């Protein structure tokens, strides 16, 4: 099964990002495909490479980058939501790219399911 994921919340102010990452990783481990994760609204903060959590805390941004590198997951940041929040190409973590809502629509069409995390 191909599963697209939509993340609408930031990495440290809501559990949605952690839940989305764990869901994606588990789906891949179970043999499903996760071709794309789309970050929208405050979810665009998941792509910020300037994030520096304490050493004893999880690094959500690095988790997403590793998932993209190890499993070929396309991590797409909404351009409009990103620009509103100061997220530009130069501060994107590895594996993330900026694009438009068409990428979300495409994921919804091409995947068997589109799972949303956050409001």
PDB file of N, CA and C in Angstrom:
ATOM      1  N   UNK A   1       0.845  -1.174   0.000  1.00  0.00           N
ATOM      2  CA  UNK A   1       0.000   0.000   0.000  1.00  0.00           C
ATOM      3  C   UNK A   1       0.892   1.240   0.000  1.00  0.00           C
ATOM      4  N   UNK A   2       0.505   2.234  -0.773  1.00  0.00           N
ATOM      5  CA  UNK A   2       1.203   3.520  -0.790  1.00  0.00           C
ATOM      6  C   UNK A   2       0.453   4.492   0.120  1.00  0.00           C
ATOM      7  N   UNK A   3       1.208   5.100   1.046  1.00  0.00           N
ATOM      8  CA  UNK A   3       0.609   5.988   2.031  1.00  0.00           C
ATOM      9  C   UNK A   3       1.277   7.359   1.953  1.00  0.00           C
ATOM     10  N   UNK A   4       0.489   8.383   1.712  1.00  0.00           N
ATOM     11  CA  UNK A   4       0.963   9.757   1.767  1.00  0.00           C
ATOM     12  C   UNK A   4       0.659  10.317   3.152  1.00  0.00           C
ATOM     13  N   UNK A   5       1.500  11.229   3.614  1.00  0.00           N
ATOM     14  CA  UNK A   5       1.328  11.789   4.957  1.00  0.00           C
ATOM     15  C   UNK A   5       1.322  13.313   4.873  1.00  0.00           C
ATOM     16  N   UNK A   6       0.416  13.920   5.629  1.00  0.00           N
ATOM     17  CA  UNK A   6       0.314  15.374   5.758  1.00  0.00           C
ATOM     18  C   UNK A   6       0.579  15.736   7.212  1.00  0.00           C
ATOM     19  N   UNK A   7       1.567  16.608   7.456  1.00  0.00           N
ATOM     20  CA  UNK A   7       1.910  17.044   8.811  1.00  0.00           C
ATOM     21  C   UNK A   7       1.595  18.539   8.929  1.00  0.00           C
ATOM     22  N   UNK A   8       0.713  18.886   9.856  1.00  0.00           N
ATOM     23  CA  UNK A   8       0.254  20.270  10.016  1.00  0.00           C
ATOM     24  C   UNK A   8       0.771  20.964  11.269  1.00  0.00           C
ATOM     25  N   UNK A   9       1.585  20.299  12.079  1.00  0.00           N
ATOM     26  CA  UNK A   9       2.045  20.874  13.345  1.00  0.00           C
ATOM     27  C   UNK A   9       3.562  20.853  13.432  1.00  0.00           C
ATOM     28  N   UNK A  10       4.104  21.783  14.200  1.00  0.00           N
ATOM     29  CA  UNK A  10       5.543  21.878  14.391  1.00  0.00           C
ATOM     30  C   UNK A  10       6.101  20.731  15.212  1.00  0.00           C
ATOM     31  N   UNK A  11       7.430  20.617  15.238  1.00  0.00           N
ATOM     32  CA  UNK A  11       8.054  19.450  15.862  1.00  0.00           C
ATOM     33  C   UNK A  11       8.026  19.414  17.387  1.00  0.00           C
ATOM     34  N   UNK A  12       7.905  20.537  18.060  1.00  0.00           N
ATOM     35  CA  UNK A  12       8.028  20.514  19.517  1.00  0.00           C
ATOM     36  C   UNK A  12       6.842  21.120  20.265  1.00  0.00           C
ATOM     37  N   UNK A  13       5.809  21.541  19.548  1.00  0.00           N
ATOM     38  CA  UNK A  13       4.668  22.135  20.236  1.00  0.00           C
ATOM     39  C   UNK A  13       3.427  21.254  20.191  1.00  0.00           C
ATOM     40  N   UNK A  14       3.544  20.084  19.600  1.00  0.00           N
ATOM     41  CA  UNK A  14       2.391  19.205  19.418  1.00  0.00           C
ATOM     42  C   UNK A  14       2.915  17.808  19.133  1.00  0.00           C
ATOM     43  N   UNK A  15       2.184  16.790  19.488  1.00  0.00           N
ATOM     44  CA  UNK A  15       2.638  15.416  19.259  1.00  0.00           C
ATOM     45  C   UNK A  15       2.481  14.962  17.812  1.00  0.00           C
ATOM     46  N   UNK A  16       1.835  15.749  16.975  1.00  0.00           N
ATOM     47  CA  UNK A  16       1.530  15.329  15.609  1.00  0.00           C
ATOM     48  C   UNK A  16       2.770  14.952  14.807  1.00  0.00           C
ATOM     49  N   UNK A  17       3.838  15.712  14.930  1.00  0.00           N
ATOM     50  CA  UNK A  17       5.043  15.432  14.163  1.00  0.00           C
ATOM     51  C   UNK A  17       5.679  14.113  14.591  1.00  0.00           C
ATOM     52  N   UNK A  18       5.796  13.901  15.900  1.00  0.00           N
ATOM     53  CA  UNK A  18       6.328  12.626  16.398  1.00  0.00           C
ATOM     54  C   UNK A  18       5.459  11.467  15.937  1.00  0.00           C
ATOM     55  N   UNK A  19       4.152  11.624  16.052  1.00  0.00           N
ATOM     56  CA  UNK A  19       3.231  10.554  15.639  1.00  0.00           C
ATOM     57  C   UNK A  19       3.354  10.270  14.150  1.00  0.00           C
ATOM     58  N   UNK A  20       3.471  11.320  13.344  1.00  0.00           N
ATOM     59  CA  UNK A  20       3.595  11.141  11.894  1.00  0.00           C
ATOM     60  C   UNK A  20       4.888  10.408  11.553  1.00  0.00           C
ATOM     61  N   UNK A  21       5.987  10.803  12.198  1.00  0.00           N
ATOM     62  CA  UNK A  21       7.271  10.141  11.945  1.00  0.00           C
ATOM     63  C   UNK A  21       7.209   8.666  12.335  1.00  0.00           C
ATOM     64  N   UNK A  22       6.698   8.386  13.528  1.00  0.00           N
ATOM     65  CA  UNK A  22       6.613   6.995  13.983  1.00  0.00           C
ATOM     66  C   UNK A  22       5.692   6.176  13.092  1.00  0.00           C
ATOM     67  N   UNK A  23       4.598   6.779  12.652  1.00  0.00           N
ATOM     68  CA  UNK A  23       3.681   6.103  11.729  1.00  0.00           C
ATOM     69  C   UNK A  23       4.394   5.778  10.418  1.00  0.00           C
ATOM     70  N   UNK A  24       5.096   6.754   9.852  1.00  0.00           N
ATOM     71  CA  UNK A  24       5.801   6.547   8.582  1.00  0.00           C
ATOM     72  C   UNK A  24       6.852   5.452   8.713  1.00  0.00           C
ATOM     73  N   UNK A  25       7.647   5.530   9.757  1.00  0.00           N
ATOM     74  CA  UNK A  25       8.706   4.534   9.958  1.00  0.00           C
ATOM     75  C   UNK A  25       8.122   3.132  10.121  1.00  0.00           C
ATOM     76  N   UNK A  26       7.067   3.018  10.906  1.00  0.00           N
ATOM     77  CA  UNK A  26       6.435   1.719  11.124  1.00  0.00           C
ATOM     78  C   UNK A  26       5.807   1.188   9.838  1.00  0.00           C
ATOM     79  N   UNK A  27       5.153   2.057   9.084  1.00  0.00           N
ATOM     80  CA  UNK A  27       4.552   1.637   7.813  1.00  0.00           C
ATOM     81  C   UNK A  27       5.621   1.075   6.876  1.00  0.00           C
ATOM     82  N   UNK A  28       6.753   1.765   6.794  1.00  0.00           N
ATOM     83  CA  UNK A  28       7.851   1.305   5.938  1.00  0.00           C
ATOM     84  C   UNK A  28       8.387  -0.040   6.437  1.00  0.00           C
ATOM     85  N   UNK A  29       8.560  -0.171   7.747  1.00  0.00           N
ATOM     86  CA  UNK A  29       9.044  -1.431   8.324  1.00  0.00           C
ATOM     87  C   UNK A  29       8.094  -2.587   8.029  1.00  0.00           C
ATOM     88  N   UNK A  30       6.801  -2.291   7.915  1.00  0.00           N
ATOM     89  CA  UNK A  30       5.792  -3.320   7.633  1.00  0.00           C
ATOM     90  C   UNK A  30       5.644  -3.596   6.138  1.00  0.00           C
ATOM     91  N   UNK A  31       6.458  -2.933   5.314  1.00  0.00           N
ATOM     92  CA  UNK A  31       6.445  -3.204   3.877  1.00  0.00           C
ATOM     93  C   UNK A  31       5.624  -2.258   3.031  1.00  0.00           C
ATOM     94  N   UNK A  32       5.048  -1.235   3.626  1.00  0.00           N
ATOM     95  CA  UNK A  32       4.290  -0.253   2.859  1.00  0.00           C
ATOM     96  C   UNK A  32       5.241   0.791   2.279  1.00  0.00           C
ATOM     97  N   UNK A  33       4.778   1.517   1.299  1.00  0.00           N
ATOM     98  CA  UNK A  33       5.549   2.604   0.699  1.00  0.00           C
ATOM     99  C   UNK A  33       5.018   3.931   1.234  1.00  0.00           C
ATOM    100  N   UNK A  34       5.932   4.834   1.558  1.00  0.00           N
ATOM    101  CA  UNK A  34       5.584   6.203   1.946  1.00  0.00           C
ATOM    102  C   UNK A  34       6.336   7.109   0.977  1.00  0.00           C
ATOM    103  N   UNK A  35       5.730   7.371  -0.185  1.00  0.00           N
ATOM    104  CA  UNK A  35       6.450   8.140  -1.196  1.00  0.00           C
ATOM    105  C   UNK A  35       6.630   9.614  -0.849  1.00  0.00           C
ATOM    106  N   UNK A  36       5.706  10.195  -0.066  1.00  0.00           N
ATOM    107  CA  UNK A  36       5.792  11.635   0.193  1.00  0.00           C
ATOM    108  C   UNK A  36       5.194  11.989   1.555  1.00  0.00           C
ATOM    109  N   UNK A  37       5.879  12.922   2.219  1.00  0.00           N
ATOM    110  CA  UNK A  37       5.330  13.574   3.408  1.00  0.00           C
ATOM    111  C   UNK A  37       5.265  15.056   3.069  1.00  0.00           C
ATOM    112  N   UNK A  38       4.077  15.641   3.241  1.00  0.00           N
ATOM    113  CA  UNK A  38       3.869  17.049   2.928  1.00  0.00           C
ATOM    114  C   UNK A  38       3.712  17.813   4.235  1.00  0.00           C
ATOM    115  N   UNK A  39       4.497  18.875   4.403  1.00  0.00           N
ATOM    116  CA  UNK A  39       4.481  19.692   5.615  1.00  0.00           C
ATOM    117  C   UNK A  39       3.761  21.007   5.312  1.00  0.00           C
ATOM    118  N   UNK A  40       2.707  21.268   6.076  1.00  0.00           N
ATOM    119  CA  UNK A  40       1.824  22.403   5.818  1.00  0.00           C
ATOM    120  C   UNK A  40       1.571  23.138   7.132  1.00  0.00           C
ATOM    121  N   UNK A  41       1.084  24.353   7.065  1.00  0.00           N
ATOM    122  CA  UNK A  41       0.831  25.189   8.247  1.00  0.00           C
ATOM    123  C   UNK A  41       2.100  25.215   9.107  1.00  0.00           C
ATOM    124  N   UNK A  42       1.977  25.055  10.426  1.00  0.00           N
ATOM    125  CA  UNK A  42       3.153  25.070  11.296  1.00  0.00           C
ATOM    126  C   UNK A  42       4.032  23.834  11.114  1.00  0.00           C
ATOM    127  N   UNK A  43       3.555  22.855  10.398  1.00  0.00           N
ATOM    128  CA  UNK A  43       4.356  21.668  10.104  1.00  0.00           C
ATOM    129  C   UNK A  43       5.624  21.977   9.337  1.00  0.00           C
ATOM    130  N   UNK A  44       5.672  23.128   8.674  1.00  0.00           N
ATOM    131  CA  UNK A  44       6.868  23.495   7.917  1.00  0.00           C
ATOM    132  C   UNK A  44       8.085  23.652   8.828  1.00  0.00           C
ATOM    133  N   UNK A  45       7.876  23.883  10.117  1.00  0.00           N
ATOM    134  CA  UNK A  45       9.003  24.020  11.046  1.00  0.00           C
ATOM    135  C   UNK A  45       9.780  22.714  11.210  1.00  0.00           C
ATOM    136  N   UNK A  46       9.213  21.603  10.799  1.00  0.00           N
ATOM    137  CA  UNK A  46       9.915  20.319  10.834  1.00  0.00           C
ATOM    138  C   UNK A  46      11.114  20.306   9.902  1.00  0.00           C
ATOM    139  N   UNK A  47      11.182  21.229   8.968  1.00  0.00           N
ATOM    140  CA  UNK A  47      12.251  21.263   7.970  1.00  0.00           C
ATOM    141  C   UNK A  47      13.395  22.196   8.329  1.00  0.00           C
ATOM    142  N   UNK A  48      13.330  22.865   9.458  1.00  0.00           N
ATOM    143  CA  UNK A  48      14.294  23.901   9.808  1.00  0.00           C
ATOM    144  C   UNK A  48      15.592  23.303  10.369  1.00  0.00           C
ATOM    145  N   UNK A  49      16.671  23.376   9.593  1.00  0.00           N
ATOM    146  CA  UNK A  49      17.950  22.801  10.029  1.00  0.00           C
ATOM    147  C   UNK A  49      18.588  23.598  11.164  1.00  0.00           C
ATOM    148  N   UNK A  50      18.070  24.787  11.472  1.00  0.00           N
ATOM    149  CA  UNK A  50      18.615  25.602  12.552  1.00  0.00           C
ATOM    150  C   UNK A  50      18.116  25.158  13.931  1.00  0.00           C
ATOM    151  N   UNK A  51      17.204  24.189  13.946  1.00  0.00           N
ATOM    152  CA  UNK A  51      16.676  23.667  15.200  1.00  0.00           C
ATOM    153  C   UNK A  51      17.789  22.956  15.968  1.00  0.00           C
ATOM    154  N   UNK A  52      17.935  23.289  17.255  1.00  0.00           N
ATOM    155  CA  UNK A  52      18.957  22.654  18.096  1.00  0.00           C
ATOM    156  C   UNK A  52      18.340  22.233  19.430  1.00  0.00           C
ATOM    157  N   UNK A  53      17.712  21.066  19.464  1.00  0.00           N
ATOM    158  CA  UNK A  53      17.152  20.597  20.734  1.00  0.00           C
ATOM    159  C   UNK A  53      18.267  20.192  21.696  1.00  0.00           C
ATOM    160  N   UNK A  54      17.994  20.166  22.998  1.00  0.00           N
ATOM    161  CA  UNK A  54      18.997  19.708  23.957  1.00  0.00           C
ATOM    162  C   UNK A  54      19.472  18.289  23.613  1.00  0.00           C
ATOM    163  N   UNK A  55      20.682  17.952  24.037  1.00  0.00           N
ATOM    164  CA  UNK A  55      21.267  16.641  23.698  1.00  0.00           C
ATOM    165  C   UNK A  55      20.439  15.474  24.205  1.00  0.00           C
ATOM    166  N   UNK A  56      19.711  15.665  25.307  1.00  0.00           N
ATOM    167  CA  UNK A  56      18.927  14.561  25.862  1.00  0.00           C
ATOM    168  C   UNK A  56      17.501  14.512  25.302  1.00  0.00           C
ATOM    169  N   UNK A  57      17.228  15.313  24.279  1.00  0.00           N
ATOM    170  CA  UNK A  57      15.904  15.335  23.643  1.00  0.00           C
ATOM    171  C   UNK A  57      16.023  14.772  22.231  1.00  0.00           C
ATOM    172  N   UNK A  58      14.915  14.336  21.680  1.00  0.00           N
ATOM    173  CA  UNK A  58      14.916  13.817  20.309  1.00  0.00           C
ATOM    174  C   UNK A  58      15.089  14.970  19.325  1.00  0.00           C
ATOM    175  N   UNK A  59      15.736  14.692  18.201  1.00  0.00           N
ATOM    176  CA  UNK A  59      15.904  15.698  17.155  1.00  0.00           C
ATOM    177  C   UNK A  59      14.959  15.320  16.018  1.00  0.00           C
ATOM    178  N   UNK A  60      13.781  15.900  16.040  1.00  0.00           N
ATOM    179  CA  UNK A  60      12.723  15.548  15.093  1.00  0.00           C
ATOM    180  C   UNK A  60      13.148  15.855  13.654  1.00  0.00           C
ATOM    181  N   UNK A  61      13.799  16.977  13.448  1.00  0.00           N
ATOM    182  CA  UNK A  61      14.226  17.365  12.096  1.00  0.00           C
ATOM    183  C   UNK A  61      15.193  16.324  11.537  1.00  0.00           C
ATOM    184  N   UNK A  62      16.159  15.906  12.335  1.00  0.00           N
ATOM    185  CA  UNK A  62      17.122  14.884  11.871  1.00  0.00           C
ATOM    186  C   UNK A  62      16.449  13.548  11.610  1.00  0.00           C
ATOM    187  N   UNK A  63      15.436  13.221  12.393  1.00  0.00           N
ATOM    188  CA  UNK A  63      14.692  11.966  12.153  1.00  0.00           C
ATOM    189  C   UNK A  63      14.093  11.969  10.751  1.00  0.00           C
ATOM    190  N   UNK A  64      13.440  13.079  10.404  1.00  0.00           N
ATOM    191  CA  UNK A  64      12.833  13.172   9.075  1.00  0.00           C
ATOM    192  C   UNK A  64      13.901  13.075   7.984  1.00  0.00           C
ATOM    193  N   UNK A  65      15.024  13.761   8.176  1.00  0.00           N
ATOM    194  CA  UNK A  65      16.099  13.730   7.180  1.00  0.00           C
ATOM    195  C   UNK A  65      16.622  12.311   6.984  1.00  0.00           C
ATOM    196  N   UNK A  66      16.812  11.574   8.074  1.00  0.00           N
ATOM    197  CA  UNK A  66      17.279  10.184   7.965  1.00  0.00           C
ATOM    198  C   UNK A  66      16.262   9.311   7.246  1.00  0.00           C
ATOM    199  N   UNK A  67      14.973   9.526   7.526  1.00  0.00           N
ATOM    200  CA  UNK A  67      13.931   8.743   6.861  1.00  0.00           C
ATOM    201  C   UNK A  67      13.982   8.972   5.352  1.00  0.00           C
ATOM    202  N   UNK A  68      14.167  10.218   4.949  1.00  0.00           N
ATOM    203  CA  UNK A  68      14.262  10.532   3.521  1.00  0.00           C
ATOM    204  C   UNK A  68      15.481   9.871   2.896  1.00  0.00           C
ATOM    205  N   UNK A  69      16.604   9.953   3.589  1.00  0.00           N
ATOM    206  CA  UNK A  69      17.845   9.394   3.055  1.00  0.00           C
ATOM    207  C   UNK A  69      17.795   7.868   2.965  1.00  0.00           C
ATOM    208  N   UNK A  70      17.302   7.226   3.996  1.00  0.00           N
ATOM    209  CA  UNK A  70      17.318   5.766   4.059  1.00  0.00           C
ATOM    210  C   UNK A  70      16.226   5.103   3.236  1.00  0.00           C
ATOM    211  N   UNK A  71      15.105   5.791   3.033  1.00  0.00           N
ATOM    212  CA  UNK A  71      13.958   5.151   2.379  1.00  0.00           C
ATOM    213  C   UNK A  71      13.425   5.915   1.171  1.00  0.00           C
ATOM    214  N   UNK A  72      14.097   6.966   0.767  1.00  0.00           N
ATOM    215  CA  UNK A  72      13.679   7.702  -0.420  1.00  0.00           C
ATOM    216  C   UNK A  72      12.362   8.436  -0.278  1.00  0.00           C
ATOM    217  N   UNK A  73      12.011   8.830   0.918  1.00  0.00           N
ATOM    218  CA  UNK A  73      10.760   9.558   1.143  1.00  0.00           C
ATOM    219  C   UNK A  73      10.947  11.010   0.695  1.00  0.00           C
ATOM    220  N   UNK A  74      10.017  11.497  -0.097  1.00  0.00           N
ATOM    221  CA  UNK A  74      10.032  12.877  -0.586  1.00  0.00           C
ATOM    222  C   UNK A  74       9.419  13.775   0.478  1.00  0.00           C
ATOM    223  N   UNK A  75      10.239  14.642   1.091  1.00  0.00           N
ATOM    224  CA  UNK A  75       9.772  15.548   2.143  1.00  0.00           C
ATOM    225  C   UNK A  75       9.524  16.918   1.529  1.00  0.00           C
ATOM    226  N   UNK A  76       8.258  17.299   1.415  1.00  0.00           N
ATOM    227  CA  UNK A  76       7.885  18.521   0.714  1.00  0.00           C
ATOM    228  C   UNK A  76       7.315  19.543   1.691  1.00  0.00           C
ATOM    229  N   UNK A  77       7.871  20.745   1.647  1.00  0.00           N
ATOM    230  CA  UNK A  77       7.433  21.861   2.482  1.00  0.00           C
ATOM    231  C   UNK A  77       6.603  22.803   1.619  1.00  0.00           C
ATOM    232  N   UNK A  78       5.417  23.148   2.087  1.00  0.00           N
ATOM    233  CA  UNK A  78       4.554  24.075   1.346  1.00  0.00           C
ATOM    234  C   UNK A  78       5.230  25.438   1.241  1.00  0.00           C
ATOM    235  N   UNK A  79       5.364  25.939   0.030  1.00  0.00           N
ATOM    236  CA  UNK A  79       6.065  27.201  -0.201  1.00  0.00           C
ATOM    237  C   UNK A  79       5.366  28.374   0.484  1.00  0.00           C
ATOM    238  N   UNK A  80       4.060  28.483   0.373  1.00  0.00           N
ATOM    239  CA  UNK A  80       3.345  29.616   0.962  1.00  0.00           C
ATOM    240  C   UNK A  80       3.401  29.573   2.487  1.00  0.00           C
ATOM    241  N   UNK A  81       3.138  28.414   3.067  1.00  0.00           N
ATOM    242  CA  UNK A  81       3.188  28.281   4.524  1.00  0.00           C
ATOM    243  C   UNK A  81       4.610  28.495   5.027  1.00  0.00           C
ATOM    244  N   UNK A  82       5.585  28.017   4.276  1.00  0.00           N
ATOM    245  CA  UNK A  82       6.983  28.184   4.658  1.00  0.00           C
ATOM    246  C   UNK A  82       7.410  29.643   4.656  1.00  0.00           C
ATOM    247  N   UNK A  83       7.101  30.347   3.585  1.00  0.00           N
ATOM    248  CA  UNK A  83       7.497  31.750   3.494  1.00  0.00           C
ATOM    249  C   UNK A  83       6.846  32.593   4.590  1.00  0.00           C
ATOM    250  N   UNK A  84       5.598  32.283   4.929  1.00  0.00           N
ATOM    251  CA  UNK A  84       4.925  33.009   6.015  1.00  0.00           C
ATOM    252  C   UNK A  84       5.659  32.835   7.344  1.00  0.00           C
ATOM    253  N   UNK A  85       6.394  31.725   7.475  1.00  0.00           N
ATOM    254  CA  UNK A  85       7.070  31.400   8.733  1.00  0.00           C
ATOM    255  C   UNK A  85       8.594  31.496   8.627  1.00  0.00           C
ATOM    256  N   UNK A  86       9.083  32.099   7.554  1.00  0.00           N
ATOM    257  CA  UNK A  86      10.517  32.307   7.396  1.00  0.00           C
ATOM    258  C   UNK A  86      11.300  31.082   6.964  1.00  0.00           C
ATOM    259  N   UNK A  87      10.627  30.076   6.462  1.00  0.00           N
ATOM    260  CA  UNK A  87      11.298  28.852   6.011  1.00  0.00           C
ATOM    261  C   UNK A  87      11.629  29.013   4.528  1.00  0.00           C
ATOM    262  N   UNK A  88      12.920  29.077   4.235  1.00  0.00           N
ATOM    263  CA  UNK A  88      13.405  29.237   2.861  1.00  0.00           C
ATOM    264  C   UNK A  88      14.412  28.141   2.557  1.00  0.00           C
ATOM    265  N   UNK A  89      14.778  28.008   1.281  1.00  0.00           N
ATOM    266  CA  UNK A  89      15.706  26.958   0.852  1.00  0.00           C
ATOM    267  C   UNK A  89      16.969  26.895   1.698  1.00  0.00           C
ATOM    268  N   UNK A  90      17.523  28.059   2.047  1.00  0.00           N
ATOM    269  CA  UNK A  90      18.817  28.073   2.732  1.00  0.00           C
ATOM    270  C   UNK A  90      18.775  27.515   4.162  1.00  0.00           C
ATOM    271  N   UNK A  91      17.596  27.368   4.751  1.00  0.00           N
ATOM    272  CA  UNK A  91      17.549  26.782   6.093  1.00  0.00           C
ATOM    273  C   UNK A  91      16.881  25.407   6.127  1.00  0.00           C
ATOM    274  N   UNK A  92      16.663  24.822   4.945  1.00  0.00           N
ATOM    275  CA  UNK A  92      16.064  23.491   4.907  1.00  0.00           C
ATOM    276  C   UNK A  92      17.081  22.433   5.313  1.00  0.00           C
ATOM    277  N   UNK A  93      16.645  21.507   6.137  1.00  0.00           N
ATOM    278  CA  UNK A  93      17.465  20.363   6.513  1.00  0.00           C
ATOM    279  C   UNK A  93      17.598  19.433   5.306  1.00  0.00           C
ATOM    280  N   UNK A  94      18.610  18.572   5.294  1.00  0.00           N
ATOM    281  CA  UNK A  94      18.780  17.630   4.183  1.00  0.00           C
ATOM    282  C   UNK A  94      17.534  16.766   3.968  1.00  0.00           C
ATOM    283  N   UNK A  95      17.208  16.544   2.718  1.00  0.00           N
ATOM    284  CA  UNK A  95      16.062  15.710   2.361  1.00  0.00           C
ATOM    285  C   UNK A  95      14.771  16.470   2.143  1.00  0.00           C
ATOM    286  N   UNK A  96      14.707  17.719   2.586  1.00  0.00           N
ATOM    287  CA  UNK A  96      13.498  18.530   2.418  1.00  0.00           C
ATOM    288  C   UNK A  96      13.610  19.375   1.158  1.00  0.00           C
ATOM    289  N   UNK A  97      12.466  19.674   0.559  1.00  0.00           N
ATOM    290  CA  UNK A  97      12.417  20.598  -0.572  1.00  0.00           C
ATOM    291  C   UNK A  97      11.144  21.425  -0.469  1.00  0.00           C
ATOM    292  N   UNK A  98      11.159  22.579  -1.093  1.00  0.00           N
ATOM    293  CA  UNK A  98       9.993  23.468  -1.089  1.00  0.00           C
ATOM    294  C   UNK A  98       9.238  23.313  -2.398  1.00  0.00           C
ATOM    295  N   UNK A  99       7.918  23.230  -2.297  1.00  0.00           N
ATOM    296  CA  UNK A  99       7.079  23.143  -3.487  1.00  0.00           C
ATOM    297  C   UNK A  99       5.672  23.605  -3.113  1.00  0.00           C
ATOM    298  N   UNK A 100       4.756  23.494  -4.054  1.00  0.00           N
ATOM    299  CA  UNK A 100       3.401  23.985  -3.852  1.00  0.00           C
ATOM    300  C   UNK A 100       2.406  22.910  -3.452  1.00  0.00           C
ATOM    301  N   UNK A 101       1.174  23.345  -3.240  1.00  0.00           N
ATOM    302  CA  UNK A 101       0.099  22.445  -2.830  1.00  0.00           C
ATOM    303  C   UNK A 101      -0.203  21.356  -3.858  1.00  0.00           C
ATOM    304  N   UNK A 102       0.226  21.565  -5.080  1.00  0.00           N
ATOM    305  CA  UNK A 102       0.031  20.535  -6.096  1.00  0.00           C
ATOM    306  C   UNK A 102       0.669  19.210  -5.701  1.00  0.00           C
ATOM    307  N   UNK A 103       1.767  19.291  -4.927  1.00  0.00           N
ATOM    308  CA  UNK A 103       2.435  18.072  -4.466  1.00  0.00           C
ATOM    309  C   UNK A 103       1.566  17.310  -3.466  1.00  0.00           C
ATOM    310  N   UNK A 104       0.784  18.031  -2.666  1.00  0.00           N
ATOM    311  CA  UNK A 104      -0.149  17.392  -1.744  1.00  0.00           C
ATOM    312  C   UNK A 104      -1.282  16.732  -2.523  1.00  0.00           C
ATOM    313  N   UNK A 105      -1.811  17.444  -3.497  1.00  0.00           N
ATOM    314  CA  UNK A 105      -2.883  16.891  -4.332  1.00  0.00           C
ATOM    315  C   UNK A 105      -2.394  15.641  -5.052  1.00  0.00           C
ATOM    316  N   UNK A 106      -1.185  15.719  -5.601  1.00  0.00           N
ATOM    317  CA  UNK A 106      -0.609  14.566  -6.300  1.00  0.00           C
ATOM    318  C   UNK A 106      -0.469  13.363  -5.365  1.00  0.00           C
ATOM    319  N   UNK A 107      -0.020  13.596  -4.133  1.00  0.00           N
ATOM    320  CA  UNK A 107       0.102  12.508  -3.164  1.00  0.00           C
ATOM    321  C   UNK A 107      -1.270  11.886  -2.890  1.00  0.00           C
ATOM    322  N   UNK A 108      -2.284  12.731  -2.768  1.00  0.00           N
ATOM    323  CA  UNK A 108      -3.637  12.229  -2.539  1.00  0.00           C
ATOM    324  C   UNK A 108      -4.162  11.390  -3.679  1.00  0.00           C
ATOM    325  N   UNK A 109      -3.762  11.720  -4.886  1.00  0.00           N
ATOM    326  CA  UNK A 109      -4.201  10.970  -6.069  1.00  0.00           C
ATOM    327  C   UNK A 109      -3.413   9.681  -6.231  1.00  0.00           C
ATOM    328  N   UNK A 110      -2.103   9.755  -6.068  1.00  0.00           N
ATOM    329  CA  UNK A 110      -1.236   8.619  -6.354  1.00  0.00           C
ATOM    330  C   UNK A 110      -1.156   7.585  -5.234  1.00  0.00           C
ATOM    331  N   UNK A 111      -1.471   7.989  -4.002  1.00  0.00           N
ATOM    332  CA  UNK A 111      -1.383   7.063  -2.872  1.00  0.00           C
ATOM    333  C   UNK A 111      -2.741   6.416  -2.600  1.00  0.00           C
ATOM    334  N   UNK A 112      -2.688   5.254  -1.970  1.00  0.00           N
ATOM    335  CA  UNK A 112      -3.923   4.563  -1.587  1.00  0.00           C
ATOM    336  C   UNK A 112      -4.594   5.268  -0.417  1.00  0.00           C
ATOM    337  N   UNK A 113      -3.794   5.859   0.446  1.00  0.00           N
ATOM    338  CA  UNK A 113      -4.299   6.595   1.613  1.00  0.00           C
ATOM    339  C   UNK A 113      -3.492   7.857   1.805  1.00  0.00           C
ATOM    340  N   UNK A 114      -4.136   8.896   2.317  1.00  0.00           N
ATOM    341  CA  UNK A 114      -3.458  10.120   2.740  1.00  0.00           C
ATOM    342  C   UNK A 114      -3.832  10.322   4.201  1.00  0.00           C
ATOM    343  N   UNK A 115      -2.838  10.217   5.083  1.00  0.00           N
ATOM    344  CA  UNK A 115      -3.069  10.280   6.523  1.00  0.00           C
ATOM    345  C   UNK A 115      -2.601  11.652   7.020  1.00  0.00           C
ATOM    346  N   UNK A 116      -3.457  12.320   7.781  1.00  0.00           N
ATOM    347  CA  UNK A 116      -3.194  13.663   8.280  1.00  0.00           C
ATOM    348  C   UNK A 116      -2.878  13.640   9.770  1.00  0.00           C
ATOM    349  N   UNK A 117      -1.834  14.398  10.151  1.00  0.00           N
ATOM    350  CA  UNK A 117      -1.459  14.529  11.550  1.00  0.00           C
ATOM    351  C   UNK A 117      -1.497  15.999  11.927  1.00  0.00           C
ATOM    352  N   UNK A 118      -2.270  16.343  12.939  1.00  0.00           N
ATOM    353  CA  UNK A 118      -2.432  17.728  13.386  1.00  0.00           C
ATOM    354  C   UNK A 118      -3.657  18.368  12.760  1.00  0.00           C
ATOM    355  N   UNK A 119      -4.050  19.490  13.354  1.00  0.00           N
ATOM    356  CA  UNK A 119      -5.252  20.200  12.901  1.00  0.00           C
ATOM    357  C   UNK A 119      -5.042  20.903  11.581  1.00  0.00           C
TER     358      UNK A 119
END
